[in-house]
Protein backbone atom coordinates (compact mmCIF):
# COMPACT_ATOMS: atom_id res chain seq x y z
CA MET A 1 26.29 31.66 -8.49
CA THR A 2 25.22 30.65 -11.97
CA LEU A 3 22.02 28.88 -12.89
CA HIS A 4 23.87 25.59 -13.40
CA GLU A 5 25.46 25.78 -9.94
CA PHE A 6 22.11 26.67 -8.38
CA ILE A 7 20.42 23.68 -9.99
CA PHE A 8 23.27 21.31 -9.18
CA TYR A 9 23.89 22.37 -5.57
CA ILE A 10 20.42 23.44 -4.38
CA VAL A 11 17.59 22.18 -6.58
CA ILE A 12 18.77 18.59 -7.13
CA PRO A 13 19.48 17.95 -3.40
CA ILE A 14 16.09 19.39 -2.41
CA LEU A 15 14.38 17.20 -5.01
CA SER A 16 16.31 14.19 -3.72
CA ILE A 17 15.27 14.78 -0.12
CA SER A 18 11.68 15.31 -1.24
CA MET A 19 11.82 12.05 -3.19
CA LEU A 20 12.97 10.14 -0.11
CA LEU A 21 10.19 11.62 2.05
CA ILE A 22 7.54 10.92 -0.56
CA LEU A 23 8.86 7.39 -1.05
CA TRP A 24 8.49 6.85 2.69
CA ARG A 25 4.86 8.03 2.46
CA PHE A 26 4.32 5.74 -0.52
CA LEU A 27 5.56 2.71 1.43
CA LYS A 28 3.89 3.56 4.76
CA GLY A 29 0.69 5.20 3.49
CA PRO A 30 -2.25 3.99 5.56
CA SER A 31 -4.67 4.07 2.63
CA ILE A 32 -4.62 3.53 -1.09
CA VAL A 33 -5.42 7.21 -1.66
CA ASP A 34 -2.26 8.25 0.20
CA ARG A 35 -0.22 5.89 -1.93
CA ILE A 36 -1.70 7.17 -5.19
CA ILE A 37 -1.06 10.78 -4.20
CA ALA A 38 2.51 9.84 -3.25
CA LEU A 39 2.96 8.13 -6.61
CA ASP A 40 1.69 11.24 -8.37
CA LEU A 41 4.17 13.33 -6.39
CA ILE A 42 7.00 10.93 -7.26
CA ILE A 43 6.20 11.43 -10.92
CA THR A 44 6.13 15.20 -10.38
CA ILE A 45 9.54 15.08 -8.69
CA GLY A 46 10.78 13.00 -11.62
CA ILE A 47 9.59 15.74 -13.96
CA GLY A 48 11.60 18.21 -11.86
CA PHE A 49 14.69 16.01 -12.23
CA ILE A 50 14.17 15.80 -15.98
CA ALA A 51 13.76 19.58 -16.22
CA GLY A 52 16.91 20.18 -14.17
CA TYR A 53 18.88 17.71 -16.25
CA SER A 54 17.57 19.34 -19.41
CA ILE A 55 18.84 22.72 -18.25
CA LEU A 56 22.20 21.35 -17.07
CA THR A 57 22.91 19.54 -20.34
CA ASN A 58 21.33 22.24 -22.56
CA ARG A 59 19.05 19.71 -24.26
CA PRO A 60 15.51 21.09 -24.46
CA SER A 61 14.25 17.89 -26.08
CA PHE A 62 14.05 16.33 -22.61
CA LEU A 63 11.30 18.81 -21.74
CA ASP A 64 9.09 17.02 -24.26
CA VAL A 65 9.61 13.82 -22.29
CA ALA A 66 8.69 15.65 -19.08
CA MET A 67 5.53 16.99 -20.67
CA ILE A 68 4.46 13.52 -21.82
CA LEU A 69 5.18 12.14 -18.36
CA ALA A 70 3.03 14.91 -16.84
CA LEU A 71 0.15 14.03 -19.16
CA ILE A 72 0.40 10.35 -18.26
CA ALA A 73 0.44 11.21 -14.55
CA PHE A 74 -2.62 13.41 -14.98
CA LEU A 75 -4.52 10.69 -16.81
CA GLY A 76 -3.55 8.18 -14.13
CA THR A 77 -4.85 10.45 -11.39
CA VAL A 78 -8.12 11.01 -13.26
CA ALA A 79 -8.53 7.27 -13.81
CA PHE A 80 -7.91 6.58 -10.13
CA SER A 81 -10.44 9.19 -9.02
CA TYR A 82 -12.98 7.65 -11.40
CA TYR A 83 -12.26 4.23 -9.87
CA ILE A 84 -12.69 5.55 -6.32
CA GLN A 85 -15.95 7.26 -7.28
CA LYS A 86 -17.36 4.07 -8.82
CA ARG A 87 -16.19 1.96 -5.88
CA ASN A 88 -17.92 4.23 -3.35
CA LYS A 89 -21.25 4.09 -5.18
CA LYS A 90 -21.61 0.34 -4.68
């Protein structure tokens, strides 16, 4: 089994199933914190898809896009935690 077959037949289906489960948590999350964590995980799964696609198509320039997406997700998580901290102080 080559790396391309492994990514295509094992990694992509596992990421797809994970995306469906996380999407369910995003829609049914009882609190806003659960939804934000699910959104962060959806972005992380998207980064996994981008990385897999980058390897399959032999285009490393897509990894730059994944890195920028990871930075945006990190900043969003930090901003949300700052918002929750300020909201709880009142």
